[in-house]
Amino acid sequence: MISIPTLNDLAAHPEQATNLPPHAAAMLLAQMASLQTVLLSRLFVGMSPDTRREEGGEDRLLLVDEAASMLGMTRDYLYRHADELPFTVRPAPKQLRFSKLGIQKYIRNRQGK
């Protein structure tokens, strides 16, 4: 029987992931997606009202069409580069959303403001 590492084990030793059976990789990815959703929620809920106002209000997760319009990019570009963009959120496996506040911050940083 193969010993399945925990998320903590993989964080400390990512190379262990190369030997995972597919069912274990799927299980760990589902756990990570769950954890990511909870952590993102905590991050945004934990922001003070003053910080949210400075950042442009309450955050909202945008669909790809809304994000593409806001950024002046194509849907295809966002899908292809989602893992490289700092405002990408994956609330669950096979779901892709984009943080509105993250996009606003990204645009400000790109403009040098």
PDB file of N, CA and C in Angstrom:
ATOM      1  N   MET A   1       0.845  -1.182   0.000  1.00  0.00           N
ATOM      2  CA  MET A   1       0.000   0.000   0.000  1.00  0.00           C
ATOM      3  C   MET A   1       0.894   1.251   0.000  1.00  0.00           C
ATOM      4  N   ILE A   2       0.575   2.199  -0.870  1.00  0.00           N
ATOM      5  CA  ILE A   2       1.358   3.426  -0.997  1.00  0.00           C
ATOM      6  C   ILE A   2       0.880   4.430   0.046  1.00  0.00           C
ATOM      7  N   SER A   3       1.833   5.039   0.729  1.00  0.00           N
ATOM      8  CA  SER A   3       1.516   6.064   1.717  1.00  0.00           C
ATOM      9  C   SER A   3       1.258   7.388   0.989  1.00  0.00           C
ATOM     10  N   ILE A   4       0.096   7.978   1.224  1.00  0.00           N
ATOM     11  CA  ILE A   4      -0.276   9.244   0.586  1.00  0.00           C
ATOM     12  C   ILE A   4       0.190  10.390   1.482  1.00  0.00           C
ATOM     13  N   PRO A   5       1.024  11.286   0.945  1.00  0.00           N
ATOM     14  CA  PRO A   5       1.472  12.421   1.758  1.00  0.00           C
ATOM     15  C   PRO A   5       0.325  13.402   2.007  1.00  0.00           C
ATOM     16  N   THR A   6       0.420  14.140   3.082  1.00  0.00           N
ATOM     17  CA  THR A   6      -0.557  15.179   3.382  1.00  0.00           C
ATOM     18  C   THR A   6      -0.159  16.456   2.635  1.00  0.00           C
ATOM     19  N   LEU A   7      -1.046  17.446   2.662  1.00  0.00           N
ATOM     20  CA  LEU A   7      -0.700  18.740   2.064  1.00  0.00           C
ATOM     21  C   LEU A   7       0.509  19.345   2.753  1.00  0.00           C
ATOM     22  N   ASN A   8       0.607  19.161   4.074  1.00  0.00           N
ATOM     23  CA  ASN A   8       1.783  19.658   4.803  1.00  0.00           C
ATOM     24  C   ASN A   8       3.053  18.981   4.313  1.00  0.00           C
ATOM     25  N   ASP A   9       2.983  17.663   4.100  1.00  0.00           N
ATOM     26  CA  ASP A   9       4.141  16.927   3.595  1.00  0.00           C
ATOM     27  C   ASP A   9       4.574  17.472   2.237  1.00  0.00           C
ATOM     28  N   LEU A  10       3.588  17.682   1.364  1.00  0.00           N
ATOM     29  CA  LEU A  10       3.910  18.168   0.018  1.00  0.00           C
ATOM     30  C   LEU A  10       4.436  19.598   0.033  1.00  0.00           C
ATOM     31  N   ALA A  11       3.932  20.408   0.949  1.00  0.00           N
ATOM     32  CA  ALA A  11       4.441  21.781   1.052  1.00  0.00           C
ATOM     33  C   ALA A  11       5.917  21.753   1.450  1.00  0.00           C
ATOM     34  N   ALA A  12       6.262  20.841   2.341  1.00  0.00           N
ATOM     35  CA  ALA A  12       7.657  20.739   2.798  1.00  0.00           C
ATOM     36  C   ALA A  12       8.538  20.034   1.769  1.00  0.00           C
ATOM     37  N   HIS A  13       7.950  19.095   1.031  1.00  0.00           N
ATOM     38  CA  HIS A  13       8.725  18.294   0.065  1.00  0.00           C
ATOM     39  C   HIS A  13       7.928  18.128  -1.228  1.00  0.00           C
ATOM     40  N   PRO A  14       7.840  19.169  -2.061  1.00  0.00           N
ATOM     41  CA  PRO A  14       7.012  19.116  -3.266  1.00  0.00           C
ATOM     42  C   PRO A  14       7.400  17.994  -4.232  1.00  0.00           C
ATOM     43  N   GLU A  15       8.629  17.561  -4.181  1.00  0.00           N
ATOM     44  CA  GLU A  15       9.076  16.502  -5.091  1.00  0.00           C
ATOM     45  C   GLU A  15       8.306  15.195  -4.885  1.00  0.00           C
ATOM     46  N   GLN A  16       7.671  15.030  -3.716  1.00  0.00           N
ATOM     47  CA  GLN A  16       6.881  13.826  -3.452  1.00  0.00           C
ATOM     48  C   GLN A  16       5.667  13.729  -4.381  1.00  0.00           C
ATOM     49  N   ALA A  17       5.240  14.837  -4.912  1.00  0.00           N
ATOM     50  CA  ALA A  17       4.058  14.841  -5.785  1.00  0.00           C
ATOM     51  C   ALA A  17       4.293  14.068  -7.077  1.00  0.00           C
ATOM     52  N   THR A  18       5.529  13.935  -7.499  1.00  0.00           N
ATOM     53  CA  THR A  18       5.806  13.236  -8.763  1.00  0.00           C
ATOM     54  C   THR A  18       5.475  11.754  -8.694  1.00  0.00           C
ATOM     55  N   ASN A  19       5.394  11.187  -7.507  1.00  0.00           N
ATOM     56  CA  ASN A  19       5.116   9.757  -7.357  1.00  0.00           C
ATOM     57  C   ASN A  19       3.678   9.453  -6.945  1.00  0.00           C
ATOM     58  N   LEU A  20       2.829  10.453  -6.914  1.00  0.00           N
ATOM     59  CA  LEU A  20       1.451  10.241  -6.473  1.00  0.00           C
ATOM     60  C   LEU A  20       0.638   9.476  -7.517  1.00  0.00           C
ATOM     61  N   PRO A  21      -0.182   8.551  -7.082  1.00  0.00           N
ATOM     62  CA  PRO A  21      -1.129   7.943  -8.027  1.00  0.00           C
ATOM     63  C   PRO A  21      -2.197   8.987  -8.386  1.00  0.00           C
ATOM     64  N   PRO A  22      -2.794   8.872  -9.566  1.00  0.00           N
ATOM     65  CA  PRO A  22      -3.774   9.878 -10.015  1.00  0.00           C
ATOM     66  C   PRO A  22      -4.907  10.123  -9.019  1.00  0.00           C
ATOM     67  N   HIS A  23      -5.435   9.090  -8.384  1.00  0.00           N
ATOM     68  CA  HIS A  23      -6.548   9.298  -7.453  1.00  0.00           C
ATOM     69  C   HIS A  23      -6.109  10.129  -6.241  1.00  0.00           C
ATOM     70  N   ALA A  24      -4.866   9.958  -5.812  1.00  0.00           N
ATOM     71  CA  ALA A  24      -4.350  10.731  -4.678  1.00  0.00           C
ATOM     72  C   ALA A  24      -4.134  12.187  -5.088  1.00  0.00           C
ATOM     73  N   ALA A  25      -3.639  12.390  -6.312  1.00  0.00           N
ATOM     74  CA  ALA A  25      -3.442  13.761  -6.804  1.00  0.00           C
ATOM     75  C   ALA A  25      -4.789  14.478  -6.880  1.00  0.00           C
ATOM     76  N   ALA A  26      -5.831  13.785  -7.361  1.00  0.00           N
ATOM     77  CA  ALA A  26      -7.160  14.385  -7.452  1.00  0.00           C
ATOM     78  C   ALA A  26      -7.690  14.741  -6.061  1.00  0.00           C
ATOM     79  N   MET A  27      -7.492  13.849  -5.103  1.00  0.00           N
ATOM     80  CA  MET A  27      -7.966  14.087  -3.740  1.00  0.00           C
ATOM     81  C   MET A  27      -7.257  15.306  -3.131  1.00  0.00           C
ATOM     82  N   LEU A  28      -5.946  15.384  -3.317  1.00  0.00           N
ATOM     83  CA  LEU A  28      -5.190  16.507  -2.756  1.00  0.00           C
ATOM     84  C   LEU A  28      -5.555  17.816  -3.440  1.00  0.00           C
ATOM     85  N   LEU A  29      -5.786  17.783  -4.743  1.00  0.00           N
ATOM     86  CA  LEU A  29      -6.212  18.998  -5.452  1.00  0.00           C
ATOM     87  C   LEU A  29      -7.562  19.483  -4.952  1.00  0.00           C
ATOM     88  N   ALA A  30      -8.478  18.568  -4.692  1.00  0.00           N
ATOM     89  CA  ALA A  30      -9.788  18.955  -4.152  1.00  0.00           C
ATOM     90  C   ALA A  30      -9.626  19.590  -2.773  1.00  0.00           C
ATOM     91  N   GLN A  31      -8.744  19.031  -1.951  1.00  0.00           N
ATOM     92  CA  GLN A  31      -8.493  19.605  -0.628  1.00  0.00           C
ATOM     93  C   GLN A  31      -7.907  21.008  -0.759  1.00  0.00           C
ATOM     94  N   MET A  32      -6.980  21.182  -1.704  1.00  0.00           N
ATOM     95  CA  MET A  32      -6.366  22.502  -1.903  1.00  0.00           C
ATOM     96  C   MET A  32      -7.396  23.518  -2.370  1.00  0.00           C
ATOM     97  N   ALA A  33      -8.281  23.118  -3.277  1.00  0.00           N
ATOM     98  CA  ALA A  33      -9.310  24.034  -3.780  1.00  0.00           C
ATOM     99  C   ALA A  33     -10.230  24.468  -2.647  1.00  0.00           C
ATOM    100  N   SER A  34     -10.593  23.530  -1.799  1.00  0.00           N
ATOM    101  CA  SER A  34     -11.432  23.844  -0.639  1.00  0.00           C
ATOM    102  C   SER A  34     -10.732  24.827   0.281  1.00  0.00           C
ATOM    103  N   LEU A  35      -9.494  24.544   0.561  1.00  0.00           N
ATOM    104  CA  LEU A  35      -8.702  25.386   1.445  1.00  0.00           C
ATOM    105  C   LEU A  35      -8.511  26.769   0.845  1.00  0.00           C
ATOM    106  N   GLN A  36      -8.255  26.834  -0.459  1.00  0.00           N
ATOM    107  CA  GLN A  36      -8.054  28.125  -1.112  1.00  0.00           C
ATOM    108  C   GLN A  36      -9.296  28.992  -0.988  1.00  0.00           C
ATOM    109  N   THR A  37     -10.454  28.402  -1.174  1.00  0.00           N
ATOM    110  CA  THR A  37     -11.697  29.158  -1.063  1.00  0.00           C
ATOM    111  C   THR A  37     -11.871  29.733   0.331  1.00  0.00           C
ATOM    112  N   VAL A  38     -11.618  28.916   1.335  1.00  0.00           N
ATOM    113  CA  VAL A  38     -11.755  29.372   2.722  1.00  0.00           C
ATOM    114  C   VAL A  38     -10.745  30.475   3.028  1.00  0.00           C
ATOM    115  N   LEU A  39      -9.502  30.298   2.584  1.00  0.00           N
ATOM    116  CA  LEU A  39      -8.470  31.303   2.854  1.00  0.00           C
ATOM    117  C   LEU A  39      -8.760  32.620   2.137  1.00  0.00           C
ATOM    118  N   LEU A  40      -9.221  32.548   0.902  1.00  0.00           N
ATOM    119  CA  LEU A  40      -9.572  33.783   0.184  1.00  0.00           C
ATOM    120  C   LEU A  40     -10.722  34.499   0.865  1.00  0.00           C
ATOM    121  N   SER A  41     -11.695  33.733   1.284  1.00  0.00           N
ATOM    122  CA  SER A  41     -12.813  34.319   2.002  1.00  0.00           C
ATOM    123  C   SER A  41     -12.330  35.011   3.268  1.00  0.00           C
ATOM    124  N   ARG A  42     -11.466  34.361   4.003  1.00  0.00           N
ATOM    125  CA  ARG A  42     -10.918  34.934   5.249  1.00  0.00           C
ATOM    126  C   ARG A  42     -10.120  36.197   4.959  1.00  0.00           C
ATOM    127  N   LEU A  43      -9.370  36.169   3.875  1.00  0.00           N
ATOM    128  CA  LEU A  43      -8.559  37.330   3.514  1.00  0.00           C
ATOM    129  C   LEU A  43      -9.445  38.544   3.261  1.00  0.00           C
ATOM    130  N   PHE A  44     -10.500  38.374   2.482  1.00  0.00           N
ATOM    131  CA  PHE A  44     -11.337  39.508   2.134  1.00  0.00           C
ATOM    132  C   PHE A  44     -12.255  39.921   3.272  1.00  0.00           C
ATOM    133  N   VAL A  45     -12.755  38.973   4.035  1.00  0.00           N
ATOM    134  CA  VAL A  45     -13.587  39.300   5.188  1.00  0.00           C
ATOM    135  C   VAL A  45     -12.744  39.994   6.245  1.00  0.00           C
ATOM    136  N   GLY A  46     -11.478  39.586   6.351  1.00  0.00           N
ATOM    137  CA  GLY A  46     -10.584  40.134   7.366  1.00  0.00           C
ATOM    138  C   GLY A  46     -10.102  41.543   7.072  1.00  0.00           C
ATOM    139  N   MET A  47     -10.336  42.025   5.858  1.00  0.00           N
ATOM    140  CA  MET A  47      -9.917  43.386   5.532  1.00  0.00           C
ATOM    141  C   MET A  47     -10.820  44.373   6.257  1.00  0.00           C
ATOM    142  N   SER A  48     -10.229  45.420   6.785  1.00  0.00           N
ATOM    143  CA  SER A  48     -11.031  46.438   7.467  1.00  0.00           C
ATOM    144  C   SER A  48     -11.828  47.229   6.434  1.00  0.00           C
ATOM    145  N   PRO A  49     -12.937  47.855   6.847  1.00  0.00           N
ATOM    146  CA  PRO A  49     -13.709  48.677   5.898  1.00  0.00           C
ATOM    147  C   PRO A  49     -12.855  49.765   5.256  1.00  0.00           C
ATOM    148  N   ASP A  50     -11.916  50.359   6.018  1.00  0.00           N
ATOM    149  CA  ASP A  50     -11.057  51.389   5.446  1.00  0.00           C
ATOM    150  C   ASP A  50     -10.188  50.820   4.341  1.00  0.00           C
ATOM    151  N   THR A  51      -9.633  49.626   4.552  1.00  0.00           N
ATOM    152  CA  THR A  51      -8.797  49.000   3.534  1.00  0.00           C
ATOM    153  C   THR A  51      -9.624  48.672   2.302  1.00  0.00           C
ATOM    154  N   ARG A  52     -10.835  48.147   2.498  1.00  0.00           N
ATOM    155  CA  ARG A  52     -11.690  47.823   1.350  1.00  0.00           C
ATOM    156  C   ARG A  52     -12.014  49.086   0.567  1.00  0.00           C
ATOM    157  N   ARG A  53     -12.273  50.204   1.276  1.00  0.00           N
ATOM    158  CA  ARG A  53     -12.570  51.459   0.575  1.00  0.00           C
ATOM    159  C   ARG A  53     -11.358  51.889  -0.244  1.00  0.00           C
ATOM    160  N   GLU A  54     -10.167  51.791   0.351  1.00  0.00           N
ATOM    161  CA  GLU A  54      -8.949  52.177  -0.365  1.00  0.00           C
ATOM    162  C   GLU A  54      -8.749  51.313  -1.601  1.00  0.00           C
ATOM    163  N   GLU A  55      -9.114  50.055  -1.510  1.00  0.00           N
ATOM    164  CA  GLU A  55      -8.922  49.122  -2.613  1.00  0.00           C
ATOM    165  C   GLU A  55     -10.047  49.190  -3.637  1.00  0.00           C
ATOM    166  N   GLY A  56     -11.060  49.999  -3.403  1.00  0.00           N
ATOM    167  CA  GLY A  56     -12.111  50.144  -4.389  1.00  0.00           C
ATOM    168  C   GLY A  56     -13.412  49.462  -4.012  1.00  0.00           C
ATOM    169  N   GLY A  57     -13.630  49.175  -2.733  1.00  0.00           N
ATOM    170  CA  GLY A  57     -14.891  48.584  -2.302  1.00  0.00           C
ATOM    171  C   GLY A  57     -14.767  47.111  -1.994  1.00  0.00           C
ATOM    172  N   GLU A  58     -15.922  46.477  -1.857  1.00  0.00           N
ATOM    173  CA  GLU A  58     -15.966  45.045  -1.584  1.00  0.00           C
ATOM    174  C   GLU A  58     -15.447  44.295  -2.811  1.00  0.00           C
ATOM    175  N   ASP A  59     -14.770  43.199  -2.565  1.00  0.00           N
ATOM    176  CA  ASP A  59     -14.304  42.399  -3.687  1.00  0.00           C
ATOM    177  C   ASP A  59     -15.452  41.563  -4.223  1.00  0.00           C
ATOM    178  N   ARG A  60     -15.327  41.228  -5.473  1.00  0.00           N
ATOM    179  CA  ARG A  60     -16.308  40.386  -6.147  1.00  0.00           C
ATOM    180  C   ARG A  60     -15.544  39.499  -7.105  1.00  0.00           C
ATOM    181  N   LEU A  61     -15.940  38.253  -7.210  1.00  0.00           N
ATOM    182  CA  LEU A  61     -15.302  37.356  -8.162  1.00  0.00           C
ATOM    183  C   LEU A  61     -16.002  37.489  -9.507  1.00  0.00           C
ATOM    184  N   LEU A  62     -15.215  37.791 -10.520  1.00  0.00           N
ATOM    185  CA  LEU A  62     -15.750  38.040 -11.858  1.00  0.00           C
ATOM    186  C   LEU A  62     -15.622  36.806 -12.739  1.00  0.00           C
ATOM    187  N   LEU A  63     -16.567  36.651 -13.641  1.00  0.00           N
ATOM    188  CA  LEU A  63     -16.475  35.634 -14.677  1.00  0.00           C
ATOM    189  C   LEU A  63     -15.481  36.107 -15.729  1.00  0.00           C
ATOM    190  N   VAL A  64     -15.045  35.204 -16.581  1.00  0.00           N
ATOM    191  CA  VAL A  64     -14.010  35.527 -17.553  1.00  0.00           C
ATOM    192  C   VAL A  64     -14.430  36.677 -18.479  1.00  0.00           C
ATOM    193  N   ASP A  65     -15.693  36.743 -18.884  1.00  0.00           N
ATOM    194  CA  ASP A  65     -16.136  37.835 -19.768  1.00  0.00           C
ATOM    195  C   ASP A  65     -15.992  39.197 -19.099  1.00  0.00           C
ATOM    196  N   GLU A  66     -16.392  39.266 -17.826  1.00  0.00           N
ATOM    197  CA  GLU A  66     -16.294  40.534 -17.090  1.00  0.00           C
ATOM    198  C   GLU A  66     -14.838  40.943 -16.906  1.00  0.00           C
ATOM    199  N   ALA A  67     -13.996  39.982 -16.547  1.00  0.00           N
ATOM    200  CA  ALA A  67     -12.576  40.279 -16.332  1.00  0.00           C
ATOM    201  C   ALA A  67     -11.919  40.707 -17.639  1.00  0.00           C
ATOM    202  N   ALA A  68     -12.232  40.016 -18.726  1.00  0.00           N
ATOM    203  CA  ALA A  68     -11.647  40.355 -20.026  1.00  0.00           C
ATOM    204  C   ALA A  68     -12.017  41.773 -20.430  1.00  0.00           C
ATOM    205  N   SER A  69     -13.269  42.145 -20.209  1.00  0.00           N
ATOM    206  CA  SER A  69     -13.727  43.481 -20.544  1.00  0.00           C
ATOM    207  C   SER A  69     -13.004  44.533 -19.706  1.00  0.00           C
ATOM    208  N   MET A  70     -12.875  44.259 -18.423  1.00  0.00           N
ATOM    209  CA  MET A  70     -12.222  45.202 -17.517  1.00  0.00           C
ATOM    210  C   MET A  70     -10.747  45.409 -17.875  1.00  0.00           C
ATOM    211  N   LEU A  71     -10.103  44.332 -18.325  1.00  0.00           N
ATOM    212  CA  LEU A  71      -8.668  44.369 -18.620  1.00  0.00           C
ATOM    213  C   LEU A  71      -8.359  44.719 -20.072  1.00  0.00           C
ATOM    214  N   GLY A  72      -9.363  44.672 -20.929  1.00  0.00           N
ATOM    215  CA  GLY A  72      -9.113  44.892 -22.349  1.00  0.00           C
ATOM    216  C   GLY A  72      -8.338  43.728 -22.958  1.00  0.00           C
ATOM    217  N   MET A  73      -8.577  42.525 -22.442  1.00  0.00           N
ATOM    218  CA  MET A  73      -7.913  41.321 -22.936  1.00  0.00           C
ATOM    219  C   MET A  73      -8.979  40.379 -23.491  1.00  0.00           C
ATOM    220  N   THR A  74      -8.535  39.389 -24.231  1.00  0.00           N
ATOM    221  CA  THR A  74      -9.486  38.397 -24.738  1.00  0.00           C
ATOM    222  C   THR A  74      -9.730  37.311 -23.690  1.00  0.00           C
ATOM    223  N   ARG A  75     -10.858  36.651 -23.833  1.00  0.00           N
ATOM    224  CA  ARG A  75     -11.165  35.501 -22.962  1.00  0.00           C
ATOM    225  C   ARG A  75     -10.071  34.447 -23.095  1.00  0.00           C
ATOM    226  N   ASP A  76      -9.659  34.204 -24.329  1.00  0.00           N
ATOM    227  CA  ASP A  76      -8.642  33.190 -24.596  1.00  0.00           C
ATOM    228  C   ASP A  76      -7.344  33.501 -23.846  1.00  0.00           C
ATOM    229  N   TYR A  77      -6.936  34.772 -23.871  1.00  0.00           N
ATOM    230  CA  TYR A  77      -5.710  35.161 -23.166  1.00  0.00           C
ATOM    231  C   TYR A  77      -5.841  34.863 -21.675  1.00  0.00           C
ATOM    232  N   LEU A  78      -6.975  35.210 -21.082  1.00  0.00           N
ATOM    233  CA  LEU A  78      -7.169  34.963 -19.656  1.00  0.00           C
ATOM    234  C   LEU A  78      -7.140  33.470 -19.328  1.00  0.00           C
ATOM    235  N   TYR A  79      -7.780  32.663 -20.164  1.00  0.00           N
ATOM    236  CA  TYR A  79      -7.753  31.215 -19.931  1.00  0.00           C
ATOM    237  C   TYR A  79      -6.316  30.676 -20.027  1.00  0.00           C
ATOM    238  N   ARG A  80      -5.581  31.114 -21.049  1.00  0.00           N
ATOM    239  CA  ARG A  80      -4.220  30.601 -21.252  1.00  0.00           C
ATOM    240  C   ARG A  80      -3.244  31.066 -20.175  1.00  0.00           C
ATOM    241  N   HIS A  81      -3.451  32.243 -19.609  1.00  0.00           N
ATOM    242  CA  HIS A  81      -2.503  32.818 -18.660  1.00  0.00           C
ATOM    243  C   HIS A  81      -3.032  32.886 -17.225  1.00  0.00           C
ATOM    244  N   ALA A  82      -4.147  32.243 -16.960  1.00  0.00           N
ATOM    245  CA  ALA A  82      -4.787  32.337 -15.640  1.00  0.00           C
ATOM    246  C   ALA A  82      -3.833  31.992 -14.497  1.00  0.00           C
ATOM    247  N   ASP A  83      -3.016  30.970 -14.683  1.00  0.00           N
ATOM    248  CA  ASP A  83      -2.122  30.549 -13.594  1.00  0.00           C
ATOM    249  C   ASP A  83      -0.992  31.544 -13.341  1.00  0.00           C
ATOM    250  N   GLU A  84      -0.748  32.438 -14.272  1.00  0.00           N
ATOM    251  CA  GLU A  84       0.329  33.424 -14.118  1.00  0.00           C
ATOM    252  C   GLU A  84      -0.180  34.759 -13.573  1.00  0.00           C
ATOM    253  N   LEU A  85      -1.483  34.965 -13.605  1.00  0.00           N
ATOM    254  CA  LEU A  85      -2.052  36.256 -13.208  1.00  0.00           C
ATOM    255  C   LEU A  85      -2.348  36.278 -11.708  1.00  0.00           C
ATOM    256  N   PRO A  86      -1.947  37.339 -11.014  1.00  0.00           N
ATOM    257  CA  PRO A  86      -2.071  37.376  -9.555  1.00  0.00           C
ATOM    258  C   PRO A  86      -3.500  37.511  -9.040  1.00  0.00           C
ATOM    259  N   PHE A  87      -4.452  37.785  -9.903  1.00  0.00           N
ATOM    260  CA  PHE A  87      -5.829  38.001  -9.463  1.00  0.00           C
ATOM    261  C   PHE A  87      -6.747  36.827  -9.809  1.00  0.00           C
ATOM    262  N   THR A  88      -6.159  35.715 -10.228  1.00  0.00           N
ATOM    263  CA  THR A  88      -6.940  34.523 -10.558  1.00  0.00           C
ATOM    264  C   THR A  88      -7.350  33.794  -9.287  1.00  0.00           C
ATOM    265  N   VAL A  89      -8.596  33.354  -9.256  1.00  0.00           N
ATOM    266  CA  VAL A  89      -9.127  32.601  -8.122  1.00  0.00           C
ATOM    267  C   VAL A  89      -9.781  31.345  -8.687  1.00  0.00           C
ATOM    268  N   ARG A  90      -9.501  30.227  -8.061  1.00  0.00           N
ATOM    269  CA  ARG A  90     -10.153  28.965  -8.445  1.00  0.00           C
ATOM    270  C   ARG A  90     -10.978  28.496  -7.253  1.00  0.00           C
ATOM    271  N   PRO A  91     -12.257  28.896  -7.192  1.00  0.00           N
ATOM    272  CA  PRO A  91     -13.084  28.548  -6.036  1.00  0.00           C
ATOM    273  C   PRO A  91     -13.362  27.055  -5.909  1.00  0.00           C
ATOM    274  N   ALA A  92     -13.250  26.329  -6.998  1.00  0.00           N
ATOM    275  CA  ALA A  92     -13.458  24.880  -6.985  1.00  0.00           C
ATOM    276  C   ALA A  92     -12.777  24.320  -8.229  1.00  0.00           C
ATOM    277  N   PRO A  93     -12.556  23.016  -8.263  1.00  0.00           N
ATOM    278  CA  PRO A  93     -11.950  22.443  -9.468  1.00  0.00           C
ATOM    279  C   PRO A  93     -12.774  22.792 -10.708  1.00  0.00           C
ATOM    280  N   LYS A  94     -12.089  23.132 -11.760  1.00  0.00           N
ATOM    281  CA  LYS A  94     -12.682  23.482 -13.053  1.00  0.00           C
ATOM    282  C   LYS A  94     -13.504  24.764 -13.017  1.00  0.00           C
ATOM    283  N   GLN A  95     -13.307  25.582 -11.994  1.00  0.00           N
ATOM    284  CA  GLN A  95     -13.949  26.897 -11.943  1.00  0.00           C
ATOM    285  C   GLN A  95     -12.863  27.958 -11.959  1.00  0.00           C
ATOM    286  N   LEU A  96     -13.082  28.974 -12.758  1.00  0.00           N
ATOM    287  CA  LEU A  96     -12.108  30.050 -12.887  1.00  0.00           C
ATOM    288  C   LEU A  96     -12.824  31.371 -12.679  1.00  0.00           C
ATOM    289  N   ARG A  97     -12.340  32.143 -11.737  1.00  0.00           N
ATOM    290  CA  ARG A  97     -12.885  33.465 -11.459  1.00  0.00           C
ATOM    291  C   ARG A  97     -11.712  34.425 -11.293  1.00  0.00           C
ATOM    292  N   PHE A  98     -12.031  35.720 -11.275  1.00  0.00           N
ATOM    293  CA  PHE A  98     -11.000  36.737 -11.157  1.00  0.00           C
ATOM    294  C   PHE A  98     -11.434  37.768 -10.122  1.00  0.00           C
ATOM    295  N   SER A  99     -10.545  38.110  -9.213  1.00  0.00           N
ATOM    296  CA  SER A  99     -10.834  39.080  -8.166  1.00  0.00           C
ATOM    297  C   SER A  99     -10.899  40.480  -8.772  1.00  0.00           C
ATOM    298  N   LYS A 100     -12.032  41.153  -8.559  1.00  0.00           N
ATOM    299  CA  LYS A 100     -12.193  42.515  -9.081  1.00  0.00           C
ATOM    300  C   LYS A 100     -11.168  43.456  -8.440  1.00  0.00           C
ATOM    301  N   LEU A 101     -10.992  43.354  -7.107  1.00  0.00           N
ATOM    302  CA  LEU A 101      -9.995  44.200  -6.443  1.00  0.00           C
ATOM    303  C   LEU A 101      -8.592  43.869  -6.924  1.00  0.00           C
ATOM    304  N   GLY A 102      -8.345  42.582  -7.151  1.00  0.00           N
ATOM    305  CA  GLY A 102      -7.040  42.170  -7.658  1.00  0.00           C
ATOM    306  C   GLY A 102      -6.754  42.753  -9.029  1.00  0.00           C
ATOM    307  N   ILE A 103      -7.776  42.773  -9.885  1.00  0.00           N
ATOM    308  CA  ILE A 103      -7.623  43.360 -11.225  1.00  0.00           C
ATOM    309  C   ILE A 103      -7.363  44.856 -11.121  1.00  0.00           C
ATOM    310  N   GLN A 104      -8.121  45.541 -10.252  1.00  0.00           N
ATOM    311  CA  GLN A 104      -7.916  46.980 -10.082  1.00  0.00           C
ATOM    312  C   GLN A 104      -6.490  47.269  -9.606  1.00  0.00           C
ATOM    313  N   LYS A 105      -6.001  46.486  -8.672  1.00  0.00           N
ATOM    314  CA  LYS A 105      -4.632  46.660  -8.178  1.00  0.00           C
ATOM    315  C   LYS A 105      -3.617  46.382  -9.291  1.00  0.00           C
ATOM    316  N   TYR A 106      -3.853  45.336 -10.059  1.00  0.00           N
ATOM    317  CA  TYR A 106      -2.983  44.969 -11.179  1.00  0.00           C
ATOM    318  C   TYR A 106      -2.903  46.111 -12.188  1.00  0.00           C
ATOM    319  N   ILE A 107      -4.055  46.697 -12.513  1.00  0.00           N
ATOM    320  CA  ILE A 107      -4.094  47.810 -13.472  1.00  0.00           C
ATOM    321  C   ILE A 107      -3.325  49.010 -12.917  1.00  0.00           C
ATOM    322  N   ARG A 108      -3.549  49.334 -11.623  1.00  0.00           N
ATOM    323  CA  ARG A 108      -2.814  50.465 -11.013  1.00  0.00           C
ATOM    324  C   ARG A 108      -1.311  50.225 -11.056  1.00  0.00           C
ATOM    325  N   ASN A 109      -0.888  49.008 -10.728  1.00  0.00           N
ATOM    326  CA  ASN A 109       0.553  48.690 -10.732  1.00  0.00           C
ATOM    327  C   ASN A 109       1.141  48.771 -12.128  1.00  0.00           C
ATOM    328  N   ARG A 110       0.377  48.351 -13.122  1.00  0.00           N
ATOM    329  CA  ARG A 110       0.858  48.390 -14.502  1.00  0.00           C
ATOM    330  C   ARG A 110       0.977  49.832 -15.012  1.00  0.00           C
ATOM    331  N   GLN A 111       0.147  50.725 -14.449  1.00  0.00           N
ATOM    332  CA  GLN A 111       0.181  52.125 -14.845  1.00  0.00           C
ATOM    333  C   GLN A 111       1.203  52.905 -14.034  1.00  0.00           C
ATOM    334  N   GLY A 112       1.815  52.239 -13.061  1.00  0.00           N
ATOM    335  CA  GLY A 112       2.828  52.899 -12.250  1.00  0.00           C
ATOM    336  C   GLY A 112       2.246  53.795 -11.180  1.00  0.00           C
ATOM    337  N   LYS A 113       0.973  53.566 -10.806  1.00  0.00           N
ATOM    338  CA  LYS A 113       0.342  54.408  -9.786  1.00  0.00           C
ATOM    339  C   LYS A 113       0.264  53.701  -8.485  1.00  0.00           C
TER     340      LYS A 113
END
